[in-house]
Amino acid sequence: MSATWYECKIKYRKLDEASGMLKVKTEPFLVDAISYTEAESRITEEMSVYLSDTEEIKITNIKVANFAEIHPFENSDRWFKSKVSLIAFDEESGKERKTNMYLLIQANDVKEAYDNTISVMKDTMGEYSVPSIAESPIMDVFPYFSGEEDDMERVEKFNVLKDSVPVDNSMDEALELSDVLSSEE
């Protein structure tokens, strides 16, 4: 059974790191749920961990998100919306048909999001293209886990990937130059 993701916009007080003051923010989060009611319950439960007993949240909007798949990646801190066009050839009309799907990919920048999208799609049998990638406003993703033993491993793996600290992926120019020189030979 595929997951249904709900985008929940939450209004709450958040510590502004620049000024050190509490500011009211409205931010979107993603939860895996069966219904709007469960999405409301789950986001309230998930957000209660981040708030003190005196603080409260206000849910300003809940809607079904149009993501086909969610993919967390290690050492990444932002979410990107990748539009993937699956290309099929219609033999009756002789035309190419494109079917779009959206993936939520975790990465540090657009290039890394593109690379992560390609790695996710590597086992796809048909042709596809990636027409757009944009940073998503989604702050965090809360998947549903049943609590069974098999799920606990998935929970731990998902959380380790999601919460991993970004690393510096700057390019080593000497190494890149040696790669270029060796490929020219």
N, C-alpha and C. Protein backbone atom coordinates (compact mmCIF):
# COMPACT_ATOMS: atom_id res chain seq x y z
N MET A 1 0.85 -1.18 0.00
CA MET A 1 0.00 0.00 0.00
C MET A 1 0.89 1.24 0.00
N SER A 2 0.60 2.17 -0.88
CA SER A 2 1.43 3.37 -0.96
C SER A 2 0.99 4.37 0.11
N ALA A 3 1.92 5.20 0.48
CA ALA A 3 1.67 6.19 1.52
C ALA A 3 0.92 7.39 0.96
N THR A 4 0.05 7.96 1.80
CA THR A 4 -0.59 9.22 1.46
C THR A 4 0.05 10.28 2.35
N TRP A 5 0.64 11.27 1.71
CA TRP A 5 1.33 12.32 2.45
C TRP A 5 0.45 13.56 2.53
N TYR A 6 0.38 14.12 3.73
CA TYR A 6 -0.38 15.34 3.97
C TYR A 6 0.58 16.46 4.34
N GLU A 7 0.41 17.60 3.67
CA GLU A 7 1.20 18.77 3.99
C GLU A 7 0.42 19.58 5.02
N CYS A 8 1.01 19.76 6.18
CA CYS A 8 0.37 20.48 7.28
C CYS A 8 1.12 21.78 7.54
N LYS A 9 0.41 22.91 7.44
CA LYS A 9 1.02 24.19 7.75
C LYS A 9 0.73 24.50 9.21
N ILE A 10 1.81 24.78 9.93
CA ILE A 10 1.73 24.96 11.37
C ILE A 10 2.21 26.36 11.73
N LYS A 11 1.45 27.03 12.57
CA LYS A 11 1.84 28.35 13.09
C LYS A 11 2.24 28.15 14.55
N TYR A 12 3.47 28.54 14.88
CA TYR A 12 3.96 28.38 16.24
C TYR A 12 5.08 29.37 16.50
N ARG A 13 5.47 29.48 17.77
CA ARG A 13 6.57 30.37 18.15
C ARG A 13 7.87 29.57 18.03
N LYS A 14 8.82 30.20 17.33
CA LYS A 14 10.10 29.55 17.10
C LYS A 14 11.21 30.54 17.44
N LEU A 15 12.28 30.04 18.04
CA LEU A 15 13.41 30.88 18.40
C LEU A 15 14.15 31.28 17.13
N ASP A 16 14.24 32.58 16.89
CA ASP A 16 14.97 33.11 15.75
C ASP A 16 16.45 33.14 16.11
N GLU A 17 17.26 32.38 15.37
CA GLU A 17 18.67 32.26 15.70
C GLU A 17 19.42 33.58 15.52
N ALA A 18 19.00 34.40 14.58
CA ALA A 18 19.69 35.67 14.32
C ALA A 18 19.49 36.67 15.47
N SER A 19 18.24 36.83 15.91
CA SER A 19 17.96 37.83 16.94
C SER A 19 17.88 37.24 18.34
N GLY A 20 17.69 35.93 18.46
CA GLY A 20 17.57 35.29 19.77
C GLY A 20 16.20 35.46 20.40
N MET A 21 15.24 35.98 19.63
CA MET A 21 13.89 36.20 20.15
C MET A 21 12.93 35.16 19.58
N LEU A 22 11.82 34.96 20.30
CA LEU A 22 10.78 34.08 19.80
C LEU A 22 9.96 34.82 18.76
N LYS A 23 9.77 34.21 17.61
CA LYS A 23 8.96 34.81 16.55
C LYS A 23 7.90 33.80 16.13
N VAL A 24 6.76 34.33 15.70
CA VAL A 24 5.69 33.47 15.20
C VAL A 24 6.01 33.10 13.75
N LYS A 25 6.08 31.82 13.49
CA LYS A 25 6.40 31.31 12.15
C LYS A 25 5.28 30.40 11.67
N THR A 26 5.06 30.38 10.36
CA THR A 26 4.16 29.41 9.75
C THR A 26 5.00 28.59 8.79
N GLU A 27 5.10 27.29 9.07
CA GLU A 27 5.97 26.42 8.28
C GLU A 27 5.23 25.14 7.91
N PRO A 28 5.52 24.60 6.70
CA PRO A 28 4.88 23.35 6.29
C PRO A 28 5.69 22.12 6.72
N PHE A 29 4.99 21.09 7.13
CA PHE A 29 5.58 19.80 7.49
C PHE A 29 4.81 18.73 6.73
N LEU A 30 5.42 17.57 6.56
CA LEU A 30 4.78 16.47 5.85
C LEU A 30 4.57 15.30 6.80
N VAL A 31 3.36 14.75 6.82
CA VAL A 31 3.08 13.55 7.62
C VAL A 31 2.42 12.50 6.75
N ASP A 32 2.71 11.26 7.05
CA ASP A 32 2.11 10.11 6.39
C ASP A 32 0.90 9.72 7.24
N ALA A 33 -0.28 9.77 6.65
CA ALA A 33 -1.50 9.47 7.41
C ALA A 33 -2.56 8.87 6.50
N ILE A 34 -3.62 8.36 7.10
CA ILE A 34 -4.70 7.75 6.35
C ILE A 34 -5.79 8.77 6.02
N SER A 35 -5.96 9.76 6.91
CA SER A 35 -7.02 10.74 6.71
C SER A 35 -6.57 12.11 7.22
N TYR A 36 -7.38 13.12 6.94
CA TYR A 36 -7.08 14.46 7.43
C TYR A 36 -7.07 14.47 8.97
N THR A 37 -8.00 13.74 9.56
CA THR A 37 -8.09 13.68 11.02
C THR A 37 -6.82 13.09 11.62
N GLU A 38 -6.35 11.99 11.02
CA GLU A 38 -5.13 11.37 11.52
C GLU A 38 -3.93 12.29 11.28
N ALA A 39 -3.90 12.99 10.15
CA ALA A 39 -2.81 13.92 9.86
C ALA A 39 -2.77 15.02 10.93
N GLU A 40 -3.93 15.55 11.29
CA GLU A 40 -4.01 16.57 12.33
C GLU A 40 -3.49 16.03 13.67
N SER A 41 -3.91 14.83 14.01
CA SER A 41 -3.48 14.21 15.26
C SER A 41 -1.97 13.94 15.26
N ARG A 42 -1.47 13.41 14.16
CA ARG A 42 -0.04 13.07 14.07
C ARG A 42 0.85 14.30 14.11
N ILE A 43 0.47 15.36 13.39
CA ILE A 43 1.33 16.56 13.38
C ILE A 43 1.31 17.22 14.75
N THR A 44 0.18 17.19 15.42
CA THR A 44 0.11 17.75 16.78
C THR A 44 1.03 16.96 17.71
N GLU A 45 1.00 15.65 17.59
CA GLU A 45 1.84 14.78 18.42
C GLU A 45 3.33 14.98 18.10
N GLU A 46 3.67 15.02 16.82
CA GLU A 46 5.07 15.18 16.41
C GLU A 46 5.63 16.53 16.83
N MET A 47 4.84 17.58 16.71
CA MET A 47 5.31 18.92 17.04
C MET A 47 5.38 19.15 18.54
N SER A 48 4.61 18.41 19.33
CA SER A 48 4.63 18.58 20.78
C SER A 48 6.01 18.30 21.37
N VAL A 49 6.80 17.48 20.70
CA VAL A 49 8.16 17.17 21.15
C VAL A 49 9.04 18.41 21.11
N TYR A 50 8.80 19.30 20.16
CA TYR A 50 9.64 20.48 19.97
C TYR A 50 9.18 21.70 20.77
N LEU A 51 8.02 21.60 21.41
CA LEU A 51 7.46 22.75 22.12
C LEU A 51 7.44 22.49 23.62
N SER A 52 7.50 23.58 24.41
CA SER A 52 7.36 23.44 25.85
C SER A 52 5.88 23.28 26.19
N ASP A 53 5.59 22.95 27.44
CA ASP A 53 4.20 22.71 27.86
C ASP A 53 3.32 23.95 27.71
N THR A 54 3.89 25.13 27.82
CA THR A 54 3.09 26.35 27.75
C THR A 54 2.84 26.80 26.31
N GLU A 55 3.66 26.35 25.38
CA GLU A 55 3.50 26.75 23.99
C GLU A 55 2.46 25.88 23.29
N GLU A 56 1.86 26.45 22.28
CA GLU A 56 0.88 25.69 21.50
C GLU A 56 1.07 25.98 20.02
N ILE A 57 0.51 25.09 19.22
CA ILE A 57 0.58 25.26 17.77
C ILE A 57 -0.82 25.50 17.23
N LYS A 58 -0.87 26.11 16.06
CA LYS A 58 -2.13 26.28 15.37
C LYS A 58 -1.95 25.70 13.97
N ILE A 59 -2.80 24.76 13.62
CA ILE A 59 -2.75 24.16 12.29
C ILE A 59 -3.57 25.05 11.38
N THR A 60 -2.90 25.68 10.40
CA THR A 60 -3.58 26.62 9.53
C THR A 60 -4.10 25.98 8.24
N ASN A 61 -3.51 24.84 7.84
CA ASN A 61 -3.94 24.20 6.60
C ASN A 61 -3.45 22.76 6.57
N ILE A 62 -4.27 21.88 6.03
CA ILE A 62 -3.87 20.50 5.77
C ILE A 62 -4.35 20.16 4.37
N LYS A 63 -3.45 19.65 3.54
CA LYS A 63 -3.84 19.23 2.19
C LYS A 63 -3.03 18.00 1.79
N VAL A 64 -3.57 17.24 0.86
CA VAL A 64 -2.87 16.07 0.35
C VAL A 64 -1.72 16.56 -0.52
N ALA A 65 -0.52 16.07 -0.23
CA ALA A 65 0.66 16.45 -1.01
C ALA A 65 0.74 15.55 -2.24
N ASN A 66 1.31 16.07 -3.32
CA ASN A 66 1.34 15.29 -4.57
C ASN A 66 2.69 14.61 -4.79
N PHE A 67 3.33 14.11 -3.74
CA PHE A 67 4.60 13.42 -3.88
C PHE A 67 4.37 11.93 -4.08
N ALA A 68 5.01 11.38 -5.12
CA ALA A 68 4.93 9.94 -5.36
C ALA A 68 5.82 9.20 -4.37
N GLU A 69 6.99 9.76 -4.06
CA GLU A 69 7.94 9.11 -3.16
C GLU A 69 8.71 10.17 -2.38
N ILE A 70 9.17 9.76 -1.18
CA ILE A 70 9.99 10.61 -0.32
C ILE A 70 11.31 9.88 -0.12
N HIS A 71 12.43 10.59 -0.35
CA HIS A 71 13.74 9.95 -0.22
C HIS A 71 14.69 10.79 0.63
N PRO A 72 14.91 10.36 1.90
CA PRO A 72 15.92 11.05 2.72
C PRO A 72 17.32 10.58 2.30
N PHE A 73 18.29 11.47 2.40
CA PHE A 73 19.68 11.13 2.10
C PHE A 73 20.57 11.59 3.25
N GLU A 74 21.62 10.82 3.47
CA GLU A 74 22.55 11.11 4.55
C GLU A 74 23.25 12.44 4.33
N ASN A 75 23.55 13.12 5.42
CA ASN A 75 24.30 14.38 5.42
C ASN A 75 23.63 15.48 4.61
N SER A 76 22.32 15.51 4.59
CA SER A 76 21.57 16.53 3.86
C SER A 76 20.63 17.25 4.82
N ASP A 77 20.40 18.54 4.55
CA ASP A 77 19.58 19.30 5.49
C ASP A 77 18.37 20.00 4.89
N ARG A 78 18.18 19.93 3.57
CA ARG A 78 17.02 20.59 2.95
C ARG A 78 16.27 19.59 2.07
N TRP A 79 15.03 19.95 1.76
CA TRP A 79 14.20 19.10 0.91
C TRP A 79 13.98 19.79 -0.43
N PHE A 80 14.04 19.00 -1.51
CA PHE A 80 13.84 19.51 -2.86
C PHE A 80 12.73 18.73 -3.56
N LYS A 81 11.94 19.45 -4.34
CA LYS A 81 10.87 18.83 -5.12
C LYS A 81 11.39 18.59 -6.53
N SER A 82 11.53 17.31 -6.88
CA SER A 82 12.02 16.93 -8.21
C SER A 82 10.86 16.50 -9.08
N LYS A 83 10.74 17.14 -10.23
CA LYS A 83 9.71 16.75 -11.20
C LYS A 83 10.37 15.78 -12.17
N VAL A 84 9.83 14.56 -12.24
CA VAL A 84 10.37 13.54 -13.13
C VAL A 84 9.30 13.22 -14.17
N SER A 85 9.67 13.32 -15.44
CA SER A 85 8.75 12.99 -16.54
C SER A 85 9.09 11.61 -17.08
N LEU A 86 8.16 10.69 -16.91
CA LEU A 86 8.33 9.35 -17.46
C LEU A 86 7.89 9.41 -18.91
N ILE A 87 8.73 8.91 -19.82
CA ILE A 87 8.48 9.01 -21.24
C ILE A 87 8.05 7.64 -21.78
N ALA A 88 6.90 7.62 -22.43
CA ALA A 88 6.39 6.38 -23.04
C ALA A 88 6.04 6.68 -24.49
N PHE A 89 6.24 5.69 -25.34
CA PHE A 89 5.94 5.84 -26.76
C PHE A 89 4.59 5.19 -27.03
N ASP A 90 3.63 5.97 -27.51
CA ASP A 90 2.30 5.46 -27.84
C ASP A 90 2.34 4.94 -29.27
N GLU A 91 2.27 3.62 -29.42
CA GLU A 91 2.39 3.01 -30.75
C GLU A 91 1.20 3.30 -31.65
N GLU A 92 0.02 3.49 -31.08
CA GLU A 92 -1.17 3.77 -31.88
C GLU A 92 -1.08 5.14 -32.55
N SER A 93 -0.72 6.16 -31.79
CA SER A 93 -0.67 7.51 -32.35
C SER A 93 0.73 7.85 -32.88
N GLY A 94 1.73 7.09 -32.48
CA GLY A 94 3.09 7.35 -32.92
C GLY A 94 3.73 8.53 -32.22
N LYS A 95 3.19 8.91 -31.06
CA LYS A 95 3.70 10.07 -30.33
C LYS A 95 4.29 9.65 -28.99
N GLU A 96 5.16 10.52 -28.49
CA GLU A 96 5.72 10.35 -27.16
C GLU A 96 4.74 10.92 -26.14
N ARG A 97 4.55 10.19 -25.04
CA ARG A 97 3.70 10.70 -23.96
C ARG A 97 4.53 10.83 -22.71
N LYS A 98 4.33 11.93 -22.00
CA LYS A 98 5.05 12.15 -20.75
C LYS A 98 4.06 12.14 -19.59
N THR A 99 4.44 11.42 -18.56
CA THR A 99 3.66 11.39 -17.33
C THR A 99 4.55 11.93 -16.23
N ASN A 100 4.08 12.97 -15.57
CA ASN A 100 4.90 13.60 -14.53
C ASN A 100 4.61 13.01 -13.16
N MET A 101 5.68 12.90 -12.37
CA MET A 101 5.54 12.54 -10.96
C MET A 101 6.52 13.40 -10.18
N TYR A 102 6.22 13.60 -8.92
CA TYR A 102 7.05 14.47 -8.08
C TYR A 102 7.65 13.66 -6.95
N LEU A 103 8.96 13.86 -6.74
CA LEU A 103 9.69 13.20 -5.67
C LEU A 103 10.16 14.27 -4.69
N LEU A 104 10.15 13.95 -3.41
CA LEU A 104 10.73 14.84 -2.41
C LEU A 104 12.08 14.24 -2.05
N ILE A 105 13.14 14.97 -2.39
CA ILE A 105 14.50 14.47 -2.25
C ILE A 105 15.24 15.34 -1.24
N GLN A 106 15.97 14.70 -0.34
CA GLN A 106 16.76 15.46 0.62
C GLN A 106 18.16 15.68 0.05
N ALA A 107 18.66 16.91 0.14
CA ALA A 107 19.97 17.25 -0.40
C ALA A 107 20.42 18.58 0.21
N ASN A 108 21.66 18.98 -0.12
CA ASN A 108 22.19 20.25 0.37
C ASN A 108 22.06 21.38 -0.64
N ASP A 109 22.01 21.03 -1.94
CA ASP A 109 21.86 22.03 -2.99
C ASP A 109 21.19 21.38 -4.20
N VAL A 110 20.92 22.19 -5.22
CA VAL A 110 20.18 21.72 -6.39
C VAL A 110 20.96 20.64 -7.15
N LYS A 111 22.26 20.82 -7.28
CA LYS A 111 23.08 19.82 -8.00
C LYS A 111 23.01 18.47 -7.29
N GLU A 112 23.15 18.50 -5.97
CA GLU A 112 23.08 17.26 -5.20
C GLU A 112 21.67 16.66 -5.28
N ALA A 113 20.65 17.50 -5.30
CA ALA A 113 19.28 17.01 -5.45
C ALA A 113 19.11 16.31 -6.79
N TYR A 114 19.71 16.87 -7.85
CA TYR A 114 19.66 16.24 -9.18
C TYR A 114 20.38 14.89 -9.13
N ASP A 115 21.56 14.85 -8.56
CA ASP A 115 22.32 13.60 -8.45
C ASP A 115 21.54 12.55 -7.65
N ASN A 116 20.91 12.98 -6.54
CA ASN A 116 20.12 12.06 -5.72
C ASN A 116 18.89 11.57 -6.48
N THR A 117 18.29 12.44 -7.28
CA THR A 117 17.13 12.04 -8.10
C THR A 117 17.55 10.97 -9.11
N ILE A 118 18.68 11.18 -9.77
CA ILE A 118 19.19 10.21 -10.73
C ILE A 118 19.49 8.88 -10.04
N SER A 119 20.07 8.92 -8.84
CA SER A 119 20.37 7.66 -8.13
C SER A 119 19.10 6.93 -7.72
N VAL A 120 18.04 7.67 -7.38
CA VAL A 120 16.76 7.05 -7.03
C VAL A 120 16.13 6.39 -8.27
N MET A 121 16.30 7.04 -9.43
CA MET A 121 15.67 6.56 -10.66
C MET A 121 16.51 5.54 -11.43
N LYS A 122 17.69 5.18 -10.93
CA LYS A 122 18.62 4.34 -11.70
C LYS A 122 18.06 2.98 -12.09
N ASP A 123 17.14 2.43 -11.32
CA ASP A 123 16.57 1.12 -11.63
C ASP A 123 15.31 1.20 -12.48
N THR A 124 14.96 2.39 -12.94
CA THR A 124 13.76 2.56 -13.75
C THR A 124 13.99 1.94 -15.12
N MET A 125 13.04 1.16 -15.58
CA MET A 125 13.18 0.46 -16.85
C MET A 125 13.00 1.40 -18.05
N GLY A 126 12.07 2.32 -17.97
CA GLY A 126 11.76 3.18 -19.11
C GLY A 126 12.61 4.45 -19.11
N GLU A 127 12.37 5.24 -20.14
CA GLU A 127 13.06 6.52 -20.25
C GLU A 127 12.37 7.55 -19.36
N TYR A 128 13.16 8.51 -18.92
CA TYR A 128 12.63 9.61 -18.11
C TYR A 128 13.52 10.83 -18.27
N SER A 129 13.00 11.97 -17.89
CA SER A 129 13.79 13.19 -17.85
C SER A 129 13.46 13.91 -16.54
N VAL A 130 14.34 14.81 -16.14
CA VAL A 130 14.14 15.59 -14.92
C VAL A 130 14.03 17.06 -15.35
N PRO A 131 12.80 17.54 -15.66
CA PRO A 131 12.65 18.90 -16.16
C PRO A 131 12.84 20.00 -15.12
N SER A 132 12.61 19.69 -13.84
CA SER A 132 12.80 20.76 -12.85
C SER A 132 13.08 20.20 -11.46
N ILE A 133 13.85 20.97 -10.73
CA ILE A 133 14.13 20.70 -9.32
C ILE A 133 14.09 22.04 -8.62
N ALA A 134 13.33 22.11 -7.54
CA ALA A 134 13.22 23.37 -6.79
C ALA A 134 13.26 23.06 -5.30
N GLU A 135 13.83 23.98 -4.54
CA GLU A 135 13.85 23.79 -3.09
C GLU A 135 12.43 23.85 -2.56
N SER A 136 12.11 22.93 -1.71
CA SER A 136 10.77 22.85 -1.13
C SER A 136 10.74 23.59 0.21
N PRO A 137 9.62 24.19 0.54
CA PRO A 137 9.53 24.85 1.85
C PRO A 137 9.33 23.87 3.01
N ILE A 138 9.14 22.58 2.70
CA ILE A 138 8.92 21.56 3.73
C ILE A 138 10.06 21.59 4.74
N MET A 139 9.72 21.70 6.02
CA MET A 139 10.73 21.78 7.08
C MET A 139 11.16 20.39 7.55
N ASP A 140 10.20 19.46 7.65
CA ASP A 140 10.52 18.12 8.14
C ASP A 140 9.48 17.14 7.64
N VAL A 141 9.83 15.86 7.66
CA VAL A 141 8.96 14.79 7.18
C VAL A 141 8.78 13.79 8.30
N PHE A 142 7.52 13.41 8.56
CA PHE A 142 7.21 12.45 9.61
C PHE A 142 6.51 11.23 9.00
N PRO A 143 7.25 10.18 8.66
CA PRO A 143 6.62 8.99 8.09
C PRO A 143 5.88 8.19 9.16
N TYR A 144 4.97 7.34 8.73
CA TYR A 144 4.21 6.50 9.66
C TYR A 144 4.95 5.19 9.85
N PHE A 145 5.11 4.80 11.09
CA PHE A 145 5.68 3.49 11.40
C PHE A 145 4.74 2.84 12.41
N SER A 146 4.47 1.56 12.19
CA SER A 146 3.47 0.85 13.01
C SER A 146 3.97 0.51 14.40
N GLY A 147 5.28 0.51 14.63
CA GLY A 147 5.81 0.15 15.94
C GLY A 147 6.20 -1.31 16.02
N GLU A 148 5.94 -2.08 14.96
CA GLU A 148 6.36 -3.48 14.95
C GLU A 148 7.88 -3.53 14.84
N GLU A 149 8.45 -4.69 15.17
CA GLU A 149 9.90 -4.82 15.22
C GLU A 149 10.57 -4.50 13.88
N ASP A 150 10.01 -4.97 12.78
CA ASP A 150 10.60 -4.68 11.46
C ASP A 150 10.56 -3.19 11.18
N ASP A 151 9.49 -2.54 11.62
CA ASP A 151 9.35 -1.11 11.41
C ASP A 151 10.36 -0.32 12.23
N MET A 152 10.74 -0.82 13.39
CA MET A 152 11.68 -0.10 14.24
C MET A 152 13.02 0.09 13.54
N GLU A 153 13.45 -0.91 12.79
CA GLU A 153 14.68 -0.78 12.01
C GLU A 153 14.52 0.31 10.96
N ARG A 154 13.37 0.34 10.29
CA ARG A 154 13.10 1.37 9.28
C ARG A 154 13.06 2.75 9.92
N VAL A 155 12.46 2.86 11.11
CA VAL A 155 12.39 4.13 11.82
C VAL A 155 13.80 4.63 12.11
N GLU A 156 14.63 3.74 12.66
CA GLU A 156 16.00 4.13 13.00
C GLU A 156 16.78 4.54 11.76
N LYS A 157 16.65 3.76 10.68
CA LYS A 157 17.38 4.07 9.44
C LYS A 157 16.92 5.41 8.87
N PHE A 158 15.60 5.63 8.83
CA PHE A 158 15.04 6.88 8.30
C PHE A 158 15.54 8.06 9.13
N ASN A 159 15.47 7.95 10.46
CA ASN A 159 15.87 9.06 11.32
C ASN A 159 17.36 9.34 11.25
N VAL A 160 18.18 8.29 11.12
CA VAL A 160 19.63 8.50 10.99
C VAL A 160 19.92 9.26 9.70
N LEU A 161 19.28 8.84 8.61
CA LEU A 161 19.48 9.54 7.33
C LEU A 161 19.00 10.98 7.42
N LYS A 162 17.80 11.17 7.95
CA LYS A 162 17.18 12.49 7.99
C LYS A 162 17.95 13.45 8.89
N ASP A 163 18.46 12.96 10.02
CA ASP A 163 19.09 13.82 11.01
C ASP A 163 20.60 13.91 10.89
N SER A 164 21.17 13.25 9.91
CA SER A 164 22.63 13.28 9.77
C SER A 164 23.11 14.70 9.48
N VAL A 165 24.29 14.99 9.93
CA VAL A 165 24.85 16.33 9.80
C VAL A 165 25.47 16.49 8.42
N PRO A 166 25.20 17.63 7.77
CA PRO A 166 25.79 17.85 6.44
C PRO A 166 27.32 17.89 6.51
N VAL A 167 27.94 17.38 5.48
CA VAL A 167 29.40 17.41 5.39
C VAL A 167 29.80 18.36 4.28
N ASP A 168 31.04 18.81 4.32
CA ASP A 168 31.55 19.70 3.29
C ASP A 168 31.86 18.88 2.04
N ASN A 169 31.14 19.13 0.98
CA ASN A 169 31.34 18.40 -0.27
C ASN A 169 32.07 19.25 -1.30
N SER A 170 32.96 20.12 -0.82
CA SER A 170 33.68 20.96 -1.77
C SER A 170 34.62 20.12 -2.63
N MET A 171 34.87 20.59 -3.80
CA MET A 171 35.63 19.85 -4.79
C MET A 171 37.13 19.99 -4.51
N ASP A 172 37.85 18.88 -4.62
CA ASP A 172 39.30 18.88 -4.53
C ASP A 172 39.83 19.08 -5.94
N GLU A 173 40.30 20.30 -6.23
CA GLU A 173 40.68 20.65 -7.59
C GLU A 173 41.83 19.79 -8.12
N ALA A 174 42.80 19.43 -7.28
CA ALA A 174 43.91 18.59 -7.72
C ALA A 174 43.41 17.22 -8.14
N LEU A 175 42.46 16.67 -7.37
CA LEU A 175 41.89 15.37 -7.70
C LEU A 175 41.09 15.44 -8.99
N GLU A 176 40.32 16.52 -9.16
CA GLU A 176 39.53 16.69 -10.38
C GLU A 176 40.44 16.83 -11.61
N LEU A 177 41.55 17.57 -11.45
CA LEU A 177 42.46 17.75 -12.55
C LEU A 177 43.10 16.43 -12.95
N SER A 178 43.44 15.61 -11.95
CA SER A 178 44.04 14.30 -12.27
C SER A 178 43.03 13.41 -12.97
N ASP A 179 41.73 13.51 -12.61
CA ASP A 179 40.69 12.75 -13.30
C ASP A 179 40.57 13.17 -14.75
N VAL A 180 40.62 14.46 -15.00
CA VAL A 180 40.51 14.99 -16.36
C VAL A 180 41.70 14.54 -17.19
N LEU A 181 42.88 14.65 -16.60
CA LEU A 181 44.09 14.25 -17.32
C LEU A 181 44.11 12.77 -17.63
N SER A 182 43.66 11.94 -16.68
CA SER A 182 43.66 10.49 -16.92
C SER A 182 42.62 10.09 -17.95
N SER A 183 41.51 10.81 -18.04
CA SER A 183 40.46 10.47 -19.02
C SER A 183 40.86 10.89 -20.43
N GLU A 184 41.77 11.87 -20.54
CA GLU A 184 42.21 12.31 -21.85
C GLU A 184 43.20 11.35 -22.48
N GLU A 185 43.86 10.52 -21.68
CA GLU A 185 44.87 9.59 -22.20
C GLU A 185 44.30 8.43 -22.92
